Amino acid sequence: MLNEAQGKYVNDDDDKVRAYTASIRCQKDIESLSKIGLNPQEISRSLDLSSTSFVKSRMAKIEQDKAERRRFLATGRIPETSAGVFHILQK
């Protein structure tokens, strides 16, 4: 309502896209589509994302997370540079 009062155009679709791209669901969709062999352009097109650079950055983050996980499983040491919560679950 504030944006409308200020004369700015409000687009609910943009808000929905921002919420999706910020969600873990988006990252999981990107990861799943990359596993079946789609390139960043195809992933971007299939998820209706406007930028392939976003998909590329998410794919790089996924690979970085996998590498950190492999190092942790191999050494048992939690990375010192990571901020956040680590969950150690048995399979």
C-alpha atoms as a PDB file:
ATOM      1  CA  MET A   1       0.000   0.000   0.000  1.00  0.00           C
ATOM      2  CA  LEU A   2       2.890   2.327   0.744  1.00  0.00           C
ATOM      3  CA  ASN A   3       4.307   1.791  -2.733  1.00  0.00           C
ATOM      4  CA  GLU A   4       0.910   2.494  -4.277  1.00  0.00           C
ATOM      5  CA  ALA A   5       0.582   5.694  -2.204  1.00  0.00           C
ATOM      6  CA  GLN A   6       3.986   6.817  -3.416  1.00  0.00           C
ATOM      7  CA  GLY A   7       2.935   6.166  -6.999  1.00  0.00           C
ATOM      8  CA  LYS A   8       5.199   3.179  -7.499  1.00  0.00           C
ATOM      9  CA  TYR A   9       4.064   0.204  -9.528  1.00  0.00           C
ATOM     10  CA  VAL A  10       3.531  -2.890  -7.421  1.00  0.00           C
ATOM     11  CA  ASN A  11       3.992  -6.233  -9.111  1.00  0.00           C
ATOM     12  CA  ASP A  12       3.106  -9.273  -7.025  1.00  0.00           C
ATOM     13  CA  ASP A  13       4.791 -11.576  -9.557  1.00  0.00           C
ATOM     14  CA  ASP A  14       8.184  -9.984  -8.842  1.00  0.00           C
ATOM     15  CA  ASP A  15       7.667 -10.552  -5.118  1.00  0.00           C
ATOM     16  CA  LYS A  16       6.799 -14.196  -5.751  1.00  0.00           C
ATOM     17  CA  VAL A  17       9.920 -14.674  -7.905  1.00  0.00           C
ATOM     18  CA  ARG A  18      12.128 -13.057  -5.242  1.00  0.00           C
ATOM     19  CA  ALA A  19      10.651 -15.284  -2.542  1.00  0.00           C
ATOM     20  CA  TYR A  20      11.209 -18.389  -4.683  1.00  0.00           C
ATOM     21  CA  THR A  21      14.797 -17.559  -5.610  1.00  0.00           C
ATOM     22  CA  ALA A  22      15.604 -16.886  -1.951  1.00  0.00           C
ATOM     23  CA  SER A  23      14.168 -20.237  -0.880  1.00  0.00           C
ATOM     24  CA  ILE A  24      15.916 -23.547  -0.409  1.00  0.00           C
ATOM     25  CA  ARG A  25      13.416 -25.013  -2.858  1.00  0.00           C
ATOM     26  CA  CYS A  26      14.987 -23.012  -5.685  1.00  0.00           C
ATOM     27  CA  GLN A  27      18.451 -24.316  -4.811  1.00  0.00           C
ATOM     28  CA  LYS A  28      17.162 -27.887  -4.685  1.00  0.00           C
ATOM     29  CA  ASP A  29      15.449 -27.442  -8.071  1.00  0.00           C
ATOM     30  CA  ILE A  30      18.683 -26.119  -9.571  1.00  0.00           C
ATOM     31  CA  GLU A  31      20.635 -29.002  -8.057  1.00  0.00           C
ATOM     32  CA  SER A  32      18.157 -31.594  -9.343  1.00  0.00           C
ATOM     33  CA  LEU A  33      18.086 -30.155 -12.852  1.00  0.00           C
ATOM     34  CA  SER A  34      21.877 -29.981 -13.002  1.00  0.00           C
ATOM     35  CA  LYS A  35      22.087 -33.644 -11.920  1.00  0.00           C
ATOM     36  CA  ILE A  36      20.065 -34.693 -14.960  1.00  0.00           C
ATOM     37  CA  GLY A  37      22.463 -32.828 -17.231  1.00  0.00           C
ATOM     38  CA  LEU A  38      20.833 -29.479 -17.968  1.00  0.00           C
ATOM     39  CA  ASN A  39      23.122 -26.498 -18.500  1.00  0.00           C
ATOM     40  CA  PRO A  40      22.569 -23.131 -16.727  1.00  0.00           C
ATOM     41  CA  GLN A  41      20.660 -21.658 -19.677  1.00  0.00           C
ATOM     42  CA  GLU A  42      18.254 -24.595 -19.775  1.00  0.00           C
ATOM     43  CA  ILE A  43      17.804 -24.498 -15.996  1.00  0.00           C
ATOM     44  CA  SER A  44      17.122 -20.763 -16.093  1.00  0.00           C
ATOM     45  CA  ARG A  45      14.570 -21.229 -18.860  1.00  0.00           C
ATOM     46  CA  SER A  46      12.818 -24.164 -17.191  1.00  0.00           C
ATOM     47  CA  LEU A  47      12.528 -22.345 -13.832  1.00  0.00           C
ATOM     48  CA  ASP A  48      11.493 -19.047 -15.467  1.00  0.00           C
ATOM     49  CA  LEU A  49      14.452 -17.198 -14.009  1.00  0.00           C
ATOM     50  CA  SER A  50      15.579 -14.106 -15.872  1.00  0.00           C
ATOM     51  CA  SER A  51      19.311 -14.495 -15.301  1.00  0.00           C
ATOM     52  CA  THR A  52      21.656 -17.371 -16.019  1.00  0.00           C
ATOM     53  CA  SER A  53      24.264 -15.745 -13.770  1.00  0.00           C
ATOM     54  CA  PHE A  54      21.998 -16.438 -10.783  1.00  0.00           C
ATOM     55  CA  VAL A  55      21.840 -20.117 -11.747  1.00  0.00           C
ATOM     56  CA  LYS A  56      25.616 -20.233 -12.240  1.00  0.00           C
ATOM     57  CA  SER A  57      26.232 -18.678  -8.809  1.00  0.00           C
ATOM     58  CA  ARG A  58      23.840 -21.144  -7.160  1.00  0.00           C
ATOM     59  CA  MET A  59      25.557 -24.062  -8.930  1.00  0.00           C
ATOM     60  CA  ALA A  60      28.951 -22.808  -7.723  1.00  0.00           C
ATOM     61  CA  LYS A  61      27.609 -22.545  -4.164  1.00  0.00           C
ATOM     62  CA  ILE A  62      26.231 -26.085  -4.374  1.00  0.00           C
ATOM     63  CA  GLU A  63      29.636 -27.403  -5.513  1.00  0.00           C
ATOM     64  CA  GLN A  64      31.387 -25.484  -2.733  1.00  0.00           C
ATOM     65  CA  ASP A  65      29.007 -26.959  -0.140  1.00  0.00           C
ATOM     66  CA  LYS A  66      29.602 -30.457  -1.494  1.00  0.00           C
ATOM     67  CA  ALA A  67      33.373 -29.973  -1.332  1.00  0.00           C
ATOM     68  CA  GLU A  68      33.155 -28.743   2.274  1.00  0.00           C
ATOM     69  CA  ARG A  69      30.974 -31.719   3.163  1.00  0.00           C
ATOM     70  CA  ARG A  70      33.458 -34.157   1.588  1.00  0.00           C
ATOM     71  CA  ARG A  71      36.335 -32.531   3.502  1.00  0.00           C
ATOM     72  CA  PHE A  72      34.360 -32.766   6.742  1.00  0.00           C
ATOM     73  CA  LEU A  73      33.522 -36.420   6.182  1.00  0.00           C
ATOM     74  CA  ALA A  74      37.148 -37.188   5.350  1.00  0.00           C
ATOM     75  CA  THR A  75      38.764 -35.267   8.207  1.00  0.00           C
ATOM     76  CA  GLY A  76      36.034 -34.848  10.820  1.00  0.00           C
ATOM     77  CA  ARG A  77      36.965 -31.179  11.209  1.00  0.00           C
ATOM     78  CA  ILE A  78      34.315 -28.455  10.943  1.00  0.00           C
ATOM     79  CA  PRO A  79      35.455 -25.628   8.623  1.00  0.00           C
ATOM     80  CA  GLU A  80      36.492 -22.564  10.615  1.00  0.00           C
ATOM     81  CA  THR A  81      35.420 -20.040   7.974  1.00  0.00           C
ATOM     82  CA  SER A  82      31.819 -21.219   7.771  1.00  0.00           C
ATOM     83  CA  ALA A  83      29.160 -19.345   9.649  1.00  0.00           C
ATOM     84  CA  GLY A  84      25.985 -21.159  10.495  1.00  0.00           C
ATOM     85  CA  VAL A  85      24.727 -24.369  11.965  1.00  0.00           C
ATOM     86  CA  PHE A  86      26.063 -27.825  11.233  1.00  0.00           C
ATOM     87  CA  HIS A  87      23.808 -30.826  11.516  1.00  0.00           C
ATOM     88  CA  ILE A  88      25.544 -34.166  11.736  1.00  0.00           C
ATOM     89  CA  LEU A  89      23.068 -36.844  10.764  1.00  0.00           C
ATOM     90  CA  GLN A  90      23.639 -40.544  10.402  1.00  0.00           C
ATOM     91  CA  LYS A  91      22.595 -42.212   7.205  1.00  0.00           C
END
